[in-house]
Amino acid sequence: MKLNLIPTTTLLEEGNKALTQKSKTEEANKVGTLRGGTVGLAELTDAGPEISGTCHRQAMLRFMGIDIKGAEEDSTRDLMFAAGRTNEDSWLEVLQQSWPGKIFREEEVPIKWTTKGGTNVTGRPDIVLAEQDGKLVRGLELKLISSLWTARTVLKGEPKTGHLTQAAHYMWKLSEQSGHEIPFELWYTSRVDWHIMGWAQKHFPKHGEQNSEYCEYSQNKEGQFDIKKVLPFTKGFQLQFLKNGQLQFREMGGKKWIDTIITRDRIQTYYEIIEESVQSKTLGPRPINLDYSGQKENWKQCDFCPLAQTCEKYEKDSFEVWLANVKERTNS
């Protein structure tokens, strides 16, 4: 077949299949390992464990080598994940022009630690800056904004709890491995215009307010300013641990450090609960959604999970029955 006769759609389909297979192969090599990118918080209470962050059931399935993407009905989400990787490439290209030291990415600076039960936990920070001699000095966790509402919360100075937890996990363990404190920053990048109309306008900064510089406004006949759109922007947050292991953050250039519910102990407990759940073949409670201050969010993870109906129908049965139906649902 002549190369110029291969349809572009075929090239895209075959290329995506190859990337998917590559990802599956890489995942298969990590079965039995807990992942730093699948992270949450857990606390043991008299009523049982209270778990927030990434659903521990999903984390448990990933640990067992079961990919819940097989249950996804919207395959276009791969485009969003690919855009996230492209965002990291763009950051690297910029930093290579300005950072005088060395720059390490993901596989070059992995974290690895072992739970009390002997299970490995591994992760890969997006970018870590180093001096010329290789001494690590700053970690960067990078997130691409792919939603208008994520743009809104970031502009309000409210990073997502899961993103803070992931960056905190890497900061904690990479510092521990290196033998010195390595500060981390969480950076959000929005690369498109987010046009805003109607009722949504009231949820964004008004003209002249803090962070209004990231927005474009129009002036009506009465001289009032209405927001038109959120412009492309980057916004960063600095992270630090207190001596008691509690995480704080602040906006870049800001003075006030903000407390969070994120602690080293809660991160470690999250992974140990997953380990214990696999060994004891128990599901544990459904996760709750908390913001960084500990307030409940107004939405539930389960409402957006491809396995929601499977859990609803089979979670009260045995672990084996639930798992068998998950495998069927995910084509595992």
Protein backbone atom coordinates (compact mmCIF):
# COMPACT_ATOMS: atom_id res chain seq x y z
CA MET A 1 0.00 0.00 0.00
CA LYS A 2 1.27 3.42 -0.94
CA LEU A 3 1.91 5.54 2.14
CA ASN A 4 0.05 8.54 0.74
CA LEU A 5 -3.11 6.42 0.53
CA ILE A 6 -3.27 5.71 4.26
CA PRO A 7 -6.16 7.81 5.65
CA THR A 8 -5.28 10.20 8.46
CA THR A 9 -8.12 8.75 10.52
CA THR A 10 -6.45 5.34 10.27
CA LEU A 11 -3.14 6.82 11.38
CA LEU A 12 -4.81 8.35 14.42
CA GLU A 13 -6.67 5.17 15.31
CA GLU A 14 -3.64 2.92 14.94
CA GLY A 15 -1.36 5.37 16.73
CA ASN A 16 -3.75 5.64 19.68
CA LYS A 17 -4.08 1.85 19.83
CA ALA A 18 -0.30 1.53 19.94
CA LEU A 19 -0.03 4.10 22.74
CA THR A 20 -2.81 2.37 24.67
CA GLN A 21 -1.04 -0.97 24.36
CA LYS A 22 2.24 0.62 25.45
CA SER A 23 0.49 2.05 28.52
CA LYS A 24 -1.05 -1.35 29.32
CA THR A 25 2.35 -3.01 29.10
CA GLU A 26 3.86 -0.44 31.44
CA GLU A 27 0.96 -0.88 33.87
CA ALA A 28 1.34 -4.66 33.80
CA ASN A 29 4.93 -4.25 34.99
CA LYS A 30 3.68 -2.30 38.01
CA VAL A 31 1.09 -4.77 39.29
CA GLY A 32 1.50 -5.11 43.04
CA THR A 33 2.84 -1.57 43.39
CA LEU A 34 0.85 1.38 44.75
CA ARG A 35 1.12 4.58 42.69
CA GLY A 36 2.00 8.09 43.77
CA GLY A 37 -0.35 9.58 41.20
CA THR A 38 -3.28 7.67 42.70
CA VAL A 39 -3.31 9.32 46.08
CA GLY A 40 -5.71 10.25 48.85
CA LEU A 41 -6.12 10.81 52.56
CA ALA A 42 -7.36 8.45 55.24
CA GLU A 43 -7.98 8.68 58.94
CA LEU A 44 -8.93 5.89 61.30
CA THR A 45 -11.96 6.77 63.45
CA ASP A 46 -14.13 4.88 65.94
CA ALA A 47 -16.68 4.44 63.16
CA GLY A 48 -14.07 3.03 60.79
CA PRO A 49 -11.76 4.60 58.20
CA GLU A 50 -12.71 7.93 56.65
CA ILE A 51 -11.23 8.16 53.17
CA SER A 52 -11.04 11.07 50.75
CA GLY A 53 -9.16 11.80 47.54
CA THR A 54 -8.85 9.27 44.74
CA CYS A 55 -11.29 6.44 45.36
CA HIS A 56 -9.37 3.74 47.23
CA ARG A 57 -11.35 1.09 45.36
CA GLN A 58 -10.00 2.42 42.08
CA ALA A 59 -6.50 2.54 43.58
CA MET A 60 -6.92 -1.05 44.73
CA LEU A 61 -7.97 -2.17 41.25
CA ARG A 62 -4.99 -0.43 39.69
CA PHE A 63 -2.74 -2.16 42.22
CA MET A 64 -4.25 -5.48 41.08
CA GLY A 65 -3.70 -4.68 37.40
CA ILE A 66 -7.30 -3.83 36.51
CA ASP A 67 -7.68 -0.72 34.36
CA ILE A 68 -11.04 0.98 34.89
CA LYS A 69 -10.60 2.78 31.58
CA GLY A 70 -12.08 -0.37 30.10
CA ALA A 71 -15.38 0.73 31.62
CA GLU A 72 -15.16 4.27 30.24
CA GLU A 73 -17.76 5.00 27.60
CA ASP A 74 -16.04 8.24 26.58
CA SER A 75 -12.74 7.34 24.94
CA THR A 76 -12.13 10.99 24.03
CA ARG A 77 -10.83 11.59 27.57
CA ASP A 78 -7.51 10.25 26.32
CA LEU A 79 -7.21 13.50 24.38
CA MET A 80 -7.35 15.43 27.65
CA PHE A 81 -4.66 13.27 29.25
CA ALA A 82 -2.49 13.71 26.15
CA ALA A 83 -2.94 17.48 26.45
CA GLY A 84 -1.68 17.25 30.03
CA ARG A 85 1.50 15.56 28.84
CA THR A 86 1.91 18.20 26.14
CA ASN A 87 1.59 20.89 28.82
CA GLU A 88 4.53 19.32 30.68
CA ASP A 89 6.58 19.29 27.47
CA SER A 90 5.84 22.98 26.96
CA TRP A 91 6.94 23.82 30.50
CA LEU A 92 10.17 21.90 29.97
CA GLU A 93 10.89 23.77 26.74
CA VAL A 94 10.48 27.12 28.51
CA LEU A 95 12.53 26.17 31.57
CA GLN A 96 15.37 24.85 29.41
CA GLN A 97 15.80 28.40 28.12
CA SER A 98 16.00 29.98 31.57
CA TRP A 99 17.06 27.54 34.32
CA PRO A 100 20.88 27.61 34.71
CA GLY A 101 21.08 24.23 36.41
CA LYS A 102 19.86 20.75 35.53
CA ILE A 103 16.25 19.73 34.94
CA PHE A 104 14.95 16.25 35.76
CA ARG A 105 11.66 14.71 34.64
CA GLU A 106 9.51 11.89 35.99
CA GLU A 107 11.50 8.66 35.53
CA GLU A 108 14.74 10.52 36.30
CA VAL A 109 13.61 11.43 39.84
CA PRO A 110 11.21 8.72 41.05
CA ILE A 111 10.07 8.37 44.62
CA LYS A 112 9.87 4.95 46.23
CA TRP A 113 8.99 3.90 49.73
CA THR A 114 7.55 0.86 51.50
CA THR A 115 4.45 0.62 53.67
CA LYS A 116 4.52 -1.04 57.08
CA GLY A 117 3.17 -4.16 55.41
CA GLY A 118 5.99 -4.27 52.86
CA THR A 119 4.21 -2.92 49.77
CA ASN A 120 6.13 -0.59 47.46
CA VAL A 121 4.73 2.86 46.66
CA THR A 122 6.25 4.62 43.65
CA GLY A 123 5.67 7.95 41.94
CA ARG A 124 7.18 10.39 39.47
CA PRO A 125 7.16 14.16 40.02
CA ASP A 126 6.61 16.12 36.80
CA ILE A 127 9.72 18.31 36.93
CA VAL A 128 12.47 18.78 39.51
CA LEU A 129 15.00 21.59 39.20
CA ALA A 130 18.57 20.97 40.33
CA GLU A 131 21.87 22.76 40.66
CA GLN A 132 24.67 22.00 38.21
CA ASP A 133 26.05 19.35 40.57
CA GLY A 134 22.68 17.57 40.54
CA LYS A 135 21.45 18.67 43.97
CA LEU A 136 17.65 18.83 43.82
CA VAL A 137 16.32 22.24 44.86
CA ARG A 138 12.70 22.61 43.70
CA GLY A 139 9.87 20.36 42.55
CA LEU A 140 7.12 21.40 40.16
CA GLU A 141 3.81 19.57 39.87
CA LEU A 142 2.02 20.72 36.71
CA LYS A 143 -1.70 20.67 35.97
CA LEU A 144 -3.47 21.69 32.78
CA ILE A 145 -6.80 23.42 33.31
CA SER A 146 -9.37 21.62 31.15
CA SER A 147 -12.55 22.98 32.70
CA LEU A 148 -14.06 26.43 33.15
CA TRP A 149 -14.92 25.55 36.74
CA THR A 150 -11.37 24.49 37.53
CA ALA A 151 -10.27 27.86 36.16
CA ARG A 152 -12.74 29.51 38.53
CA THR A 153 -11.51 27.72 41.66
CA VAL A 154 -7.87 28.34 40.79
CA LEU A 155 -8.53 32.05 40.27
CA LYS A 156 -10.18 32.07 43.70
CA GLY A 157 -6.90 30.80 45.13
CA GLU A 158 -8.30 27.34 45.85
CA PRO A 159 -6.19 24.53 44.37
CA LYS A 160 -7.78 21.10 44.19
CA THR A 161 -7.25 18.88 47.22
CA GLY A 162 -6.11 15.93 45.11
CA HIS A 163 -3.49 18.04 43.35
CA LEU A 164 -2.20 19.41 46.66
CA THR A 165 -2.06 15.89 48.09
CA GLN A 166 -0.12 14.52 45.13
CA ALA A 167 2.42 17.36 45.24
CA ALA A 168 2.69 17.03 49.04
CA HIS A 169 3.35 13.30 48.72
CA TYR A 170 6.17 13.89 46.24
CA MET A 171 7.64 16.73 48.32
CA TRP A 172 7.63 14.58 51.44
CA LYS A 173 9.20 11.47 49.96
CA LEU A 174 11.66 13.14 47.58
CA SER A 175 12.97 15.27 50.46
CA GLU A 176 13.25 12.16 52.61
CA GLN A 177 15.17 10.31 49.90
CA SER A 178 17.48 13.24 49.19
CA GLY A 179 18.29 13.98 52.83
CA HIS A 180 17.29 17.64 52.61
CA GLU A 181 14.11 19.66 52.20
CA ILE A 182 13.00 20.14 48.60
CA PRO A 183 10.21 22.72 48.35
CA PHE A 184 7.46 21.98 45.86
CA GLU A 185 5.17 24.23 43.85
CA LEU A 186 1.84 23.36 42.24
CA TRP A 187 1.31 25.16 38.94
CA TYR A 188 -1.89 25.46 36.91
CA THR A 189 -1.85 26.42 33.24
CA SER A 190 -4.86 27.43 31.18
CA ARG A 191 -4.09 27.66 27.47
CA VAL A 192 -7.46 28.70 26.01
CA ASP A 193 -10.00 31.52 26.25
CA TRP A 194 -12.90 30.53 28.51
CA HIS A 195 -15.88 32.56 27.31
CA ILE A 196 -18.37 33.35 30.07
CA MET A 197 -22.02 34.24 29.64
CA GLY A 198 -25.17 34.64 31.67
CA TRP A 199 -25.41 33.32 35.21
CA ALA A 200 -21.81 32.06 35.18
CA GLN A 201 -20.47 35.63 35.16
CA LYS A 202 -21.19 36.14 38.85
CA HIS A 203 -18.80 33.34 39.78
CA PHE A 204 -15.70 35.09 38.43
CA PRO A 205 -13.66 38.11 39.59
CA LYS A 206 -15.30 41.46 39.02
CA HIS A 207 -13.41 44.19 37.22
CA GLY A 208 -10.67 45.53 39.50
CA GLU A 209 -10.83 42.64 41.96
CA GLN A 210 -7.93 40.33 42.76
CA ASN A 211 -7.10 38.07 39.79
CA SER A 212 -9.23 40.19 37.42
CA GLU A 213 -6.01 40.71 35.46
CA TYR A 214 -6.56 37.20 34.10
CA CYS A 215 -9.93 38.19 32.64
CA GLU A 216 -11.25 40.40 29.85
CA TYR A 217 -14.23 42.71 30.41
CA SER A 218 -16.61 44.82 28.35
CA GLN A 219 -18.18 48.09 29.51
CA ASN A 220 -21.93 48.55 29.08
CA LYS A 221 -23.88 51.79 28.56
CA GLU A 222 -24.20 52.33 32.31
CA GLY A 223 -20.43 52.22 32.66
CA GLN A 224 -20.45 48.84 34.38
CA PHE A 225 -17.98 46.12 33.48
CA ASP A 226 -19.15 42.64 32.51
CA ILE A 227 -16.72 39.76 32.26
CA LYS A 228 -16.34 38.39 28.73
CA LYS A 229 -13.82 35.65 29.17
CA VAL A 230 -10.98 34.22 31.21
CA LEU A 231 -7.72 34.66 29.33
CA PRO A 232 -4.95 32.05 29.14
CA PHE A 233 -2.94 32.15 32.37
CA THR A 234 -0.56 30.38 34.72
CA LYS A 235 -0.97 30.43 38.49
CA GLY A 236 1.21 28.79 41.08
CA PHE A 237 1.07 27.79 44.74
CA GLN A 238 3.94 27.17 47.15
CA LEU A 239 3.79 24.21 49.54
CA GLN A 240 5.35 23.58 52.93
CA PHE A 241 5.02 21.10 55.79
CA LEU A 242 4.78 22.18 59.39
CA LYS A 243 6.82 20.24 61.96
CA ASN A 244 3.72 18.19 62.85
CA GLY A 245 3.42 17.00 59.23
CA GLN A 246 0.51 19.25 58.25
CA LEU A 247 0.59 20.80 54.76
CA GLN A 248 0.19 24.52 54.14
CA PHE A 249 0.07 26.41 50.86
CA ARG A 250 0.04 29.97 49.63
CA GLU A 251 -0.28 31.71 46.29
CA MET A 252 3.00 32.60 44.62
CA GLY A 253 4.00 36.02 45.88
CA GLY A 254 1.49 35.83 48.71
CA LYS A 255 2.25 36.23 52.39
CA LYS A 256 -0.45 34.17 54.09
CA TRP A 257 0.04 30.42 54.49
CA ILE A 258 -3.22 28.46 54.47
CA ASP A 259 -3.77 25.33 56.56
CA THR A 260 -5.03 22.11 54.99
CA ILE A 261 -6.29 18.75 56.22
CA ILE A 262 -3.45 17.10 54.32
CA THR A 263 -0.84 15.44 56.53
CA ARG A 264 1.93 12.93 56.05
CA ASP A 265 0.15 10.48 58.36
CA ARG A 266 -3.11 10.66 56.38
CA ILE A 267 -1.29 10.04 53.10
CA GLN A 268 0.52 7.03 54.55
CA THR A 269 -2.67 5.67 56.12
CA TYR A 270 -4.43 5.90 52.75
CA TYR A 271 -1.92 3.56 51.13
CA GLU A 272 -1.89 1.18 54.07
CA ILE A 273 -5.68 0.89 54.00
CA ILE A 274 -5.51 -0.08 50.32
CA GLU A 275 -2.86 -2.68 51.12
CA GLU A 276 -4.96 -4.06 53.97
CA SER A 277 -8.12 -4.09 51.82
CA VAL A 278 -6.43 -6.22 49.17
CA GLN A 279 -5.07 -8.65 51.75
CA SER A 280 -8.36 -8.95 53.66
CA LYS A 281 -10.53 -8.77 50.52
CA THR A 282 -12.73 -5.97 51.82
CA LEU A 283 -13.97 -2.88 50.00
CA GLY A 284 -14.10 -0.37 52.79
CA PRO A 285 -16.46 2.63 52.81
CA ARG A 286 -17.11 4.84 49.82
CA PRO A 287 -14.85 7.91 49.65
CA ILE A 288 -16.05 11.32 50.73
CA ASN A 289 -15.22 14.51 48.87
CA LEU A 290 -13.46 17.13 50.97
CA ASP A 291 -11.85 20.40 50.02
CA TYR A 292 -8.45 21.32 51.40
CA SER A 293 -10.01 22.82 54.54
CA GLY A 294 -12.03 19.69 55.34
CA GLN A 295 -15.39 20.98 54.12
CA LYS A 296 -17.54 18.56 52.13
CA GLU A 297 -17.76 19.30 48.42
CA ASN A 298 -21.18 19.62 46.80
CA TRP A 299 -20.63 16.69 44.44
CA LYS A 300 -19.77 13.00 44.79
CA GLN A 301 -17.04 11.07 43.01
CA CYS A 302 -19.36 8.12 42.57
CA ASP A 303 -21.65 10.20 40.33
CA PHE A 304 -18.85 10.37 37.76
CA CYS A 305 -17.36 6.90 38.17
CA PRO A 306 -17.82 4.29 35.40
CA LEU A 307 -18.07 1.62 38.11
CA ALA A 308 -20.78 3.38 40.13
CA GLN A 309 -23.54 0.97 39.11
CA THR A 310 -21.29 -2.02 39.75
CA CYS A 311 -20.59 -0.84 43.30
CA GLU A 312 -24.24 0.02 43.84
CA LYS A 313 -25.34 -3.45 42.83
CA TYR A 314 -22.60 -5.68 44.21
CA GLU A 315 -20.75 -3.93 47.07
CA LYS A 316 -22.99 -5.62 49.65
CA ASP A 317 -22.11 -9.03 48.27
CA SER A 318 -18.76 -10.70 48.80
CA PHE A 319 -15.54 -9.10 47.62
CA GLU A 320 -15.15 -11.88 45.05
CA VAL A 321 -18.60 -11.21 43.54
CA TRP A 322 -17.88 -7.48 43.31
CA LEU A 323 -14.46 -8.09 41.76
CA ALA A 324 -15.82 -10.55 39.20
CA ASN A 325 -18.37 -8.00 38.02
CA VAL A 326 -15.75 -5.25 37.92
CA LYS A 327 -13.61 -7.45 35.66
CA GLU A 328 -16.58 -8.06 33.40
CA ARG A 329 -17.40 -4.34 33.30
CA THR A 330 -13.81 -3.37 32.49
CA ASN A 331 -13.14 -6.23 30.06
CA SER A 332 -10.23 -7.32 32.26
